[in-house]
Amino acid sequence: MTDGQPATQLYLISPLDVGGTFPDRLERALAAGPVAAFQFRVKGVDEHEAARLAAPLQEICAARDCAFIVNDSAKLAKRLKADGVHLGQGDGDVRETRKLLGREAQIGVTCHASRHLAMEAGEAGADYVAFGAFFPSITKQSEHRPEPEILAWWQRLFEIPCVAIGGITPANCAPLVSAGADFLAVSSAVWGGDEAATVQAFHRAIDGANSQVPGNM
């Protein structure tokens, strides 16, 4: 890559059902190729049940050097001693979350298609900002539909990493990689089929997109 720019990395988001055989599926996915982070996203369960479900997944991530990020709840992230938390726009203040979780925690913020929200998050001390949904998603409905240009704009002006999210597949991710996404956050594309094969397909697609960028070898 030119200018030391690292390749786009994968950021897996869990399905809502992480019980049963899901730990085995996560193991397969992480064994199939490098994955930078895994977001634990469950709904409608209390904190004790969430902690029980998270335990084996957290161990798998630690063994693979994959950051374990909790969706929405800074309180749960603190309880689990997770690597970080991902905050939606209604999930709390970055500065307060930093006080709760400490300097080492990775704090990400959903910014939809808003440059203003992204700049606010960066100024507040977020470790990454997430833009999306770039494509229709069955995982989470969103009326926000940014263009890949927002990733290129962010990369030109800021050093904080940016995440692309929403309906991303190996077949459609190339424009996001080319625009400068540091991470591709993906869920249904991986868990809706053969997770290992899909992780490998993402890596091939990322490599292919990088090879098309002028100056990259």
C-alpha atoms as a PDB file:
ATOM      1  CA  MET A   1       0.000   0.000   0.000  1.00  0.00           C
ATOM      2  CA  THR A   2       1.160   3.531  -0.572  1.00  0.00           C
ATOM      3  CA  ASP A   3       1.952   5.966   2.260  1.00  0.00           C
ATOM      4  CA  GLY A   4       1.822   3.141   4.764  1.00  0.00           C
ATOM      5  CA  GLN A   5      -1.954   2.937   4.404  1.00  0.00           C
ATOM      6  CA  PRO A   6      -3.038  -0.410   5.900  1.00  0.00           C
ATOM      7  CA  ALA A   7      -5.435  -2.645   4.046  1.00  0.00           C
ATOM      8  CA  THR A   8      -9.114  -2.445   4.867  1.00  0.00           C
ATOM      9  CA  GLN A   9      -9.882  -4.834   7.719  1.00  0.00           C
ATOM     10  CA  LEU A  10     -12.939  -6.890   8.599  1.00  0.00           C
ATOM     11  CA  TYR A  11     -15.168  -6.060  11.564  1.00  0.00           C
ATOM     12  CA  LEU A  12     -17.743  -8.791  12.235  1.00  0.00           C
ATOM     13  CA  ILE A  13     -21.054  -8.013  13.922  1.00  0.00           C
ATOM     14  CA  SER A  14     -22.866 -10.867  15.624  1.00  0.00           C
ATOM     15  CA  PRO A  15     -26.335 -12.060  14.725  1.00  0.00           C
ATOM     16  CA  LEU A  16     -28.890 -11.522  17.483  1.00  0.00           C
ATOM     17  CA  ASP A  17     -28.831 -15.240  18.337  1.00  0.00           C
ATOM     18  CA  VAL A  18     -25.373 -16.109  19.641  1.00  0.00           C
ATOM     19  CA  GLY A  19     -26.348 -19.231  21.574  1.00  0.00           C
ATOM     20  CA  GLY A  20     -26.269 -22.854  20.485  1.00  0.00           C
ATOM     21  CA  THR A  21     -23.543 -23.578  17.957  1.00  0.00           C
ATOM     22  CA  PHE A  22     -22.674 -19.946  17.311  1.00  0.00           C
ATOM     23  CA  PRO A  23     -19.347 -20.091  19.184  1.00  0.00           C
ATOM     24  CA  ASP A  24     -18.252 -22.794  16.725  1.00  0.00           C
ATOM     25  CA  ARG A  25     -19.282 -20.581  13.806  1.00  0.00           C
ATOM     26  CA  LEU A  26     -17.310 -17.652  15.233  1.00  0.00           C
ATOM     27  CA  GLU A  27     -14.274 -19.904  15.609  1.00  0.00           C
ATOM     28  CA  ARG A  28     -14.586 -20.932  11.957  1.00  0.00           C
ATOM     29  CA  ALA A  29     -14.955 -17.347  10.786  1.00  0.00           C
ATOM     30  CA  LEU A  30     -11.912 -16.096  12.684  1.00  0.00           C
ATOM     31  CA  ALA A  31      -9.837 -19.061  11.538  1.00  0.00           C
ATOM     32  CA  ALA A  32     -10.630 -18.280   7.892  1.00  0.00           C
ATOM     33  CA  GLY A  33      -8.649 -15.051   7.759  1.00  0.00           C
ATOM     34  CA  PRO A  34      -7.725 -11.970   9.770  1.00  0.00           C
ATOM     35  CA  VAL A  35     -10.625 -10.251  11.523  1.00  0.00           C
ATOM     36  CA  ALA A  36      -9.822  -7.052  13.419  1.00  0.00           C
ATOM     37  CA  ALA A  37     -12.896  -6.855  15.622  1.00  0.00           C
ATOM     38  CA  PHE A  38     -16.079  -8.652  16.633  1.00  0.00           C
ATOM     39  CA  GLN A  39     -19.116  -6.763  17.904  1.00  0.00           C
ATOM     40  CA  PHE A  40     -21.330  -8.540  20.418  1.00  0.00           C
ATOM     41  CA  ARG A  41     -24.868  -7.398  19.585  1.00  0.00           C
ATOM     42  CA  VAL A  42     -27.783  -9.001  21.408  1.00  0.00           C
ATOM     43  CA  LYS A  43     -31.202  -7.552  22.177  1.00  0.00           C
ATOM     44  CA  GLY A  44     -33.891  -8.313  24.739  1.00  0.00           C
ATOM     45  CA  VAL A  45     -31.751 -10.178  27.273  1.00  0.00           C
ATOM     46  CA  ASP A  46     -30.706  -8.996  30.720  1.00  0.00           C
ATOM     47  CA  GLU A  47     -27.121  -8.192  31.605  1.00  0.00           C
ATOM     48  CA  HIS A  48     -26.500 -11.526  33.364  1.00  0.00           C
ATOM     49  CA  GLU A  49     -27.671 -13.534  30.351  1.00  0.00           C
ATOM     50  CA  ALA A  50     -25.694 -11.295  28.015  1.00  0.00           C
ATOM     51  CA  ALA A  51     -22.576 -11.887  30.092  1.00  0.00           C
ATOM     52  CA  ARG A  52     -23.144 -15.652  29.977  1.00  0.00           C
ATOM     53  CA  LEU A  53     -23.526 -15.606  26.205  1.00  0.00           C
ATOM     54  CA  ALA A  54     -20.510 -13.343  25.765  1.00  0.00           C
ATOM     55  CA  ALA A  55     -18.043 -15.425  27.786  1.00  0.00           C
ATOM     56  CA  PRO A  56     -17.162 -18.143  25.223  1.00  0.00           C
ATOM     57  CA  LEU A  57     -17.160 -15.624  22.365  1.00  0.00           C
ATOM     58  CA  GLN A  58     -14.807 -13.337  24.250  1.00  0.00           C
ATOM     59  CA  GLU A  59     -12.397 -16.235  24.799  1.00  0.00           C
ATOM     60  CA  ILE A  60     -12.443 -17.124  21.102  1.00  0.00           C
ATOM     61  CA  CYS A  61     -11.723 -13.507  20.138  1.00  0.00           C
ATOM     62  CA  ALA A  62      -8.875 -13.214  22.642  1.00  0.00           C
ATOM     63  CA  ALA A  63      -7.246 -16.363  21.263  1.00  0.00           C
ATOM     64  CA  ARG A  64      -7.386 -14.891  17.741  1.00  0.00           C
ATOM     65  CA  ASP A  65      -6.238 -11.374  18.702  1.00  0.00           C
ATOM     66  CA  CYS A  66      -9.624 -10.026  17.617  1.00  0.00           C
ATOM     67  CA  ALA A  67     -10.990  -7.030  19.538  1.00  0.00           C
ATOM     68  CA  PHE A  68     -14.225  -7.789  21.411  1.00  0.00           C
ATOM     69  CA  ILE A  69     -16.602  -4.816  21.177  1.00  0.00           C
ATOM     70  CA  VAL A  70     -19.960  -4.569  22.958  1.00  0.00           C
ATOM     71  CA  ASN A  71     -22.872  -2.950  21.127  1.00  0.00           C
ATOM     72  CA  ASP A  72     -24.736  -0.089  22.826  1.00  0.00           C
ATOM     73  CA  SER A  73     -23.985  -0.790  26.505  1.00  0.00           C
ATOM     74  CA  ALA A  74     -20.957   0.782  28.166  1.00  0.00           C
ATOM     75  CA  LYS A  75     -22.098  -0.782  31.434  1.00  0.00           C
ATOM     76  CA  LEU A  76     -21.949  -4.291  29.954  1.00  0.00           C
ATOM     77  CA  ALA A  77     -18.613  -3.514  28.295  1.00  0.00           C
ATOM     78  CA  LYS A  78     -17.191  -2.548  31.689  1.00  0.00           C
ATOM     79  CA  ARG A  79     -18.581  -5.687  33.340  1.00  0.00           C
ATOM     80  CA  LEU A  80     -17.043  -7.906  30.665  1.00  0.00           C
ATOM     81  CA  LYS A  81     -13.768  -5.960  30.584  1.00  0.00           C
ATOM     82  CA  ALA A  82     -14.385  -5.832  26.827  1.00  0.00           C
ATOM     83  CA  ASP A  83     -11.977  -4.143  24.462  1.00  0.00           C
ATOM     84  CA  GLY A  84     -14.522  -1.450  23.745  1.00  0.00           C
ATOM     85  CA  VAL A  85     -18.069  -0.367  23.023  1.00  0.00           C
ATOM     86  CA  HIS A  86     -19.968   0.810  19.959  1.00  0.00           C
ATOM     87  CA  LEU A  87     -22.394   3.652  20.661  1.00  0.00           C
ATOM     88  CA  GLY A  88     -25.433   4.541  18.603  1.00  0.00           C
ATOM     89  CA  GLN A  89     -26.568   8.154  18.634  1.00  0.00           C
ATOM     90  CA  GLY A  90     -28.819   7.458  21.626  1.00  0.00           C
ATOM     91  CA  ASP A  91     -26.469   5.235  23.600  1.00  0.00           C
ATOM     92  CA  GLY A  92     -24.498   7.742  25.623  1.00  0.00           C
ATOM     93  CA  ASP A  93     -21.853  10.413  25.530  1.00  0.00           C
ATOM     94  CA  VAL A  94     -18.345   9.580  24.351  1.00  0.00           C
ATOM     95  CA  ARG A  95     -16.681  11.591  27.113  1.00  0.00           C
ATOM     96  CA  GLU A  96     -18.750   9.963  29.864  1.00  0.00           C
ATOM     97  CA  THR A  97     -18.124   6.551  28.338  1.00  0.00           C
ATOM     98  CA  ARG A  98     -14.391   7.260  28.333  1.00  0.00           C
ATOM     99  CA  LYS A  99     -14.522   8.074  32.047  1.00  0.00           C
ATOM    100  CA  LEU A 100     -16.322   4.791  32.695  1.00  0.00           C
ATOM    101  CA  LEU A 101     -14.186   2.507  30.526  1.00  0.00           C
ATOM    102  CA  GLY A 102     -10.771   4.193  30.669  1.00  0.00           C
ATOM    103  CA  ARG A 103      -8.211   5.366  28.180  1.00  0.00           C
ATOM    104  CA  GLU A 104      -7.510   1.980  26.612  1.00  0.00           C
ATOM    105  CA  ALA A 105     -11.110   1.222  25.593  1.00  0.00           C
ATOM    106  CA  GLN A 106     -12.043   1.443  21.934  1.00  0.00           C
ATOM    107  CA  ILE A 107     -15.111   3.653  21.555  1.00  0.00           C
ATOM    108  CA  GLY A 108     -16.908   3.756  18.216  1.00  0.00           C
ATOM    109  CA  VAL A 109     -19.857   5.922  17.245  1.00  0.00           C
ATOM    110  CA  THR A 110     -22.588   5.497  14.636  1.00  0.00           C
ATOM    111  CA  CYS A 111     -22.668   8.641  12.492  1.00  0.00           C
ATOM    112  CA  HIS A 112     -25.099   7.524   9.761  1.00  0.00           C
ATOM    113  CA  ALA A 113     -24.486   9.802   6.749  1.00  0.00           C
ATOM    114  CA  SER A 114     -23.561  12.877   8.798  1.00  0.00           C
ATOM    115  CA  ARG A 115     -20.211  14.596   8.502  1.00  0.00           C
ATOM    116  CA  HIS A 116     -21.222  16.821  11.413  1.00  0.00           C
ATOM    117  CA  LEU A 117     -21.928  13.880  13.753  1.00  0.00           C
ATOM    118  CA  ALA A 118     -18.627  12.285  12.753  1.00  0.00           C
ATOM    119  CA  MET A 119     -16.654  15.436  13.498  1.00  0.00           C
ATOM    120  CA  GLU A 120     -18.433  15.791  16.846  1.00  0.00           C
ATOM    121  CA  ALA A 121     -17.589  12.184  17.725  1.00  0.00           C
ATOM    122  CA  GLY A 122     -13.960  12.687  16.785  1.00  0.00           C
ATOM    123  CA  GLU A 123     -13.711  15.857  18.856  1.00  0.00           C
ATOM    124  CA  ALA A 124     -15.247  14.031  21.826  1.00  0.00           C
ATOM    125  CA  GLY A 125     -12.527  11.383  21.646  1.00  0.00           C
ATOM    126  CA  ALA A 126     -14.060   8.512  19.684  1.00  0.00           C
ATOM    127  CA  ASP A 127     -11.592   5.924  18.412  1.00  0.00           C
ATOM    128  CA  TYR A 128     -13.543   5.332  15.216  1.00  0.00           C
ATOM    129  CA  VAL A 129     -16.628   6.616  13.411  1.00  0.00           C
ATOM    130  CA  ALA A 130     -19.069   4.442  11.482  1.00  0.00           C
ATOM    131  CA  PHE A 131     -20.910   5.559   8.362  1.00  0.00           C
ATOM    132  CA  GLY A 132     -23.856   3.728   6.823  1.00  0.00           C
ATOM    133  CA  ALA A 133     -25.948   2.010   5.781  1.00  0.00           C
ATOM    134  CA  PHE A 134     -24.267   2.027   2.382  1.00  0.00           C
ATOM    135  CA  PHE A 135     -26.604  -0.665   1.052  1.00  0.00           C
ATOM    136  CA  PRO A 136     -29.982  -2.045   2.164  1.00  0.00           C
ATOM    137  CA  SER A 137     -29.470  -4.286   5.177  1.00  0.00           C
ATOM    138  CA  ILE A 138     -31.572  -7.076   6.641  1.00  0.00           C
ATOM    139  CA  THR A 139     -29.659  -6.830   9.923  1.00  0.00           C
ATOM    140  CA  LYS A 140     -30.747  -3.297  10.785  1.00  0.00           C
ATOM    141  CA  GLN A 141     -33.044  -0.962   8.914  1.00  0.00           C
ATOM    142  CA  SER A 142     -31.707   2.513   8.175  1.00  0.00           C
ATOM    143  CA  GLU A 143     -33.020   5.429   6.163  1.00  0.00           C
ATOM    144  CA  HIS A 144     -29.492   6.833   5.955  1.00  0.00           C
ATOM    145  CA  ARG A 145     -27.681   6.052   2.704  1.00  0.00           C
ATOM    146  CA  PRO A 146     -24.290   7.794   2.409  1.00  0.00           C
ATOM    147  CA  GLU A 147     -22.171   7.723  -0.718  1.00  0.00           C
ATOM    148  CA  PRO A 148     -18.641   6.236  -0.647  1.00  0.00           C
ATOM    149  CA  GLU A 149     -17.308   9.781  -1.057  1.00  0.00           C
ATOM    150  CA  ILE A 150     -17.940  10.381   2.658  1.00  0.00           C
ATOM    151  CA  LEU A 151     -15.201   7.836   3.416  1.00  0.00           C
ATOM    152  CA  ALA A 152     -12.763   9.556   1.067  1.00  0.00           C
ATOM    153  CA  TRP A 153     -13.621  12.940   2.610  1.00  0.00           C
ATOM    154  CA  TRP A 154     -13.015  11.597   6.109  1.00  0.00           C
ATOM    155  CA  GLN A 155      -9.680  10.065   5.138  1.00  0.00           C
ATOM    156  CA  ARG A 156      -8.469  13.326   3.610  1.00  0.00           C
ATOM    157  CA  LEU A 157      -9.128  15.330   6.764  1.00  0.00           C
ATOM    158  CA  PHE A 158      -8.909  13.054   9.792  1.00  0.00           C
ATOM    159  CA  GLU A 159      -6.664  10.353  11.229  1.00  0.00           C
ATOM    160  CA  ILE A 160      -9.377   8.566  13.226  1.00  0.00           C
ATOM    161  CA  PRO A 161     -10.375   5.331  11.445  1.00  0.00           C
ATOM    162  CA  CYS A 162     -13.708   5.088   9.646  1.00  0.00           C
ATOM    163  CA  VAL A 163     -15.981   2.067   9.417  1.00  0.00           C
ATOM    164  CA  ALA A 164     -18.382   1.328   6.576  1.00  0.00           C
ATOM    165  CA  ILE A 165     -21.521  -0.570   7.534  1.00  0.00           C
ATOM    166  CA  GLY A 166     -24.808  -1.716   6.069  1.00  0.00           C
ATOM    167  CA  GLY A 167     -25.580  -4.475   3.600  1.00  0.00           C
ATOM    168  CA  ILE A 168     -21.933  -4.988   2.646  1.00  0.00           C
ATOM    169  CA  THR A 169     -21.017  -8.165   0.759  1.00  0.00           C
ATOM    170  CA  PRO A 170     -17.914  -9.422  -1.052  1.00  0.00           C
ATOM    171  CA  ALA A 171     -19.676  -8.479  -4.310  1.00  0.00           C
ATOM    172  CA  ASN A 172     -20.358  -4.824  -3.462  1.00  0.00           C
ATOM    173  CA  CYS A 173     -17.552  -3.808  -1.103  1.00  0.00           C
ATOM    174  CA  ALA A 174     -14.959  -2.673  -3.670  1.00  0.00           C
ATOM    175  CA  PRO A 175     -16.104   1.000  -3.889  1.00  0.00           C
ATOM    176  CA  LEU A 176     -15.932   1.286  -0.095  1.00  0.00           C
ATOM    177  CA  VAL A 177     -12.430  -0.161   0.016  1.00  0.00           C
ATOM    178  CA  SER A 178     -11.306   2.130  -2.802  1.00  0.00           C
ATOM    179  CA  ALA A 179     -12.838   5.153  -1.045  1.00  0.00           C
ATOM    180  CA  GLY A 180     -10.743   4.470   2.035  1.00  0.00           C
ATOM    181  CA  ALA A 181     -12.814   2.487   4.544  1.00  0.00           C
ATOM    182  CA  ASP A 182     -10.487   1.342   7.319  1.00  0.00           C
ATOM    183  CA  PHE A 183     -12.966  -1.350   8.325  1.00  0.00           C
ATOM    184  CA  LEU A 184     -15.905  -3.127   6.713  1.00  0.00           C
ATOM    185  CA  ALA A 185     -18.528  -3.982   9.336  1.00  0.00           C
ATOM    186  CA  VAL A 186     -20.417  -7.038   8.156  1.00  0.00           C
ATOM    187  CA  SER A 187     -23.024  -9.354   9.626  1.00  0.00           C
ATOM    188  CA  SER A 188     -25.686 -11.074   7.514  1.00  0.00           C
ATOM    189  CA  ALA A 189     -23.316 -11.597   4.597  1.00  0.00           C
ATOM    190  CA  VAL A 190     -21.177 -13.787   6.862  1.00  0.00           C
ATOM    191  CA  TRP A 191     -23.710 -15.442   9.154  1.00  0.00           C
ATOM    192  CA  GLY A 192     -26.316 -15.982   6.424  1.00  0.00           C
ATOM    193  CA  GLY A 193     -24.185 -18.629   4.740  1.00  0.00           C
ATOM    194  CA  ASP A 194     -20.815 -20.352   5.055  1.00  0.00           C
ATOM    195  CA  GLU A 195     -18.974 -18.012   7.412  1.00  0.00           C
ATOM    196  CA  ALA A 196     -15.483 -19.276   6.595  1.00  0.00           C
ATOM    197  CA  ALA A 197     -15.974 -19.103   2.835  1.00  0.00           C
ATOM    198  CA  THR A 198     -17.461 -15.619   3.108  1.00  0.00           C
ATOM    199  CA  VAL A 199     -14.595 -14.265   5.226  1.00  0.00           C
ATOM    200  CA  GLN A 200     -12.196 -15.611   2.597  1.00  0.00           C
ATOM    201  CA  ALA A 201     -14.292 -14.035  -0.166  1.00  0.00           C
ATOM    202  CA  PHE A 202     -14.156 -10.677   1.615  1.00  0.00           C
ATOM    203  CA  HIS A 203     -10.384 -10.842   1.797  1.00  0.00           C
ATOM    204  CA  ARG A 204     -10.152 -11.632  -1.908  1.00  0.00           C
ATOM    205  CA  ALA A 205     -12.491  -8.739  -2.708  1.00  0.00           C
ATOM    206  CA  ILE A 206     -10.484  -6.334  -0.516  1.00  0.00           C
ATOM    207  CA  ASP A 207      -7.224  -7.413  -2.139  1.00  0.00           C
ATOM    208  CA  GLY A 208      -8.776  -7.013  -5.579  1.00  0.00           C
ATOM    209  CA  ALA A 209     -10.065  -3.513  -4.806  1.00  0.00           C
ATOM    210  CA  ASN A 210      -6.702  -2.463  -3.395  1.00  0.00           C
ATOM    211  CA  SER A 211      -4.927  -3.653  -6.529  1.00  0.00           C
ATOM    212  CA  GLN A 212      -7.104  -1.317  -8.598  1.00  0.00           C
ATOM    213  CA  VAL A 213      -6.116   1.812  -6.629  1.00  0.00           C
ATOM    214  CA  PRO A 214      -3.449   3.755  -8.552  1.00  0.00           C
ATOM    215  CA  GLY A 215      -0.027   3.355  -6.998  1.00  0.00           C
ATOM    216  CA  ASN A 216      -0.904   0.298  -4.890  1.00  0.00           C
ATOM    217  CA  MET A 217       0.979  -2.895  -5.520  1.00  0.00           C
END
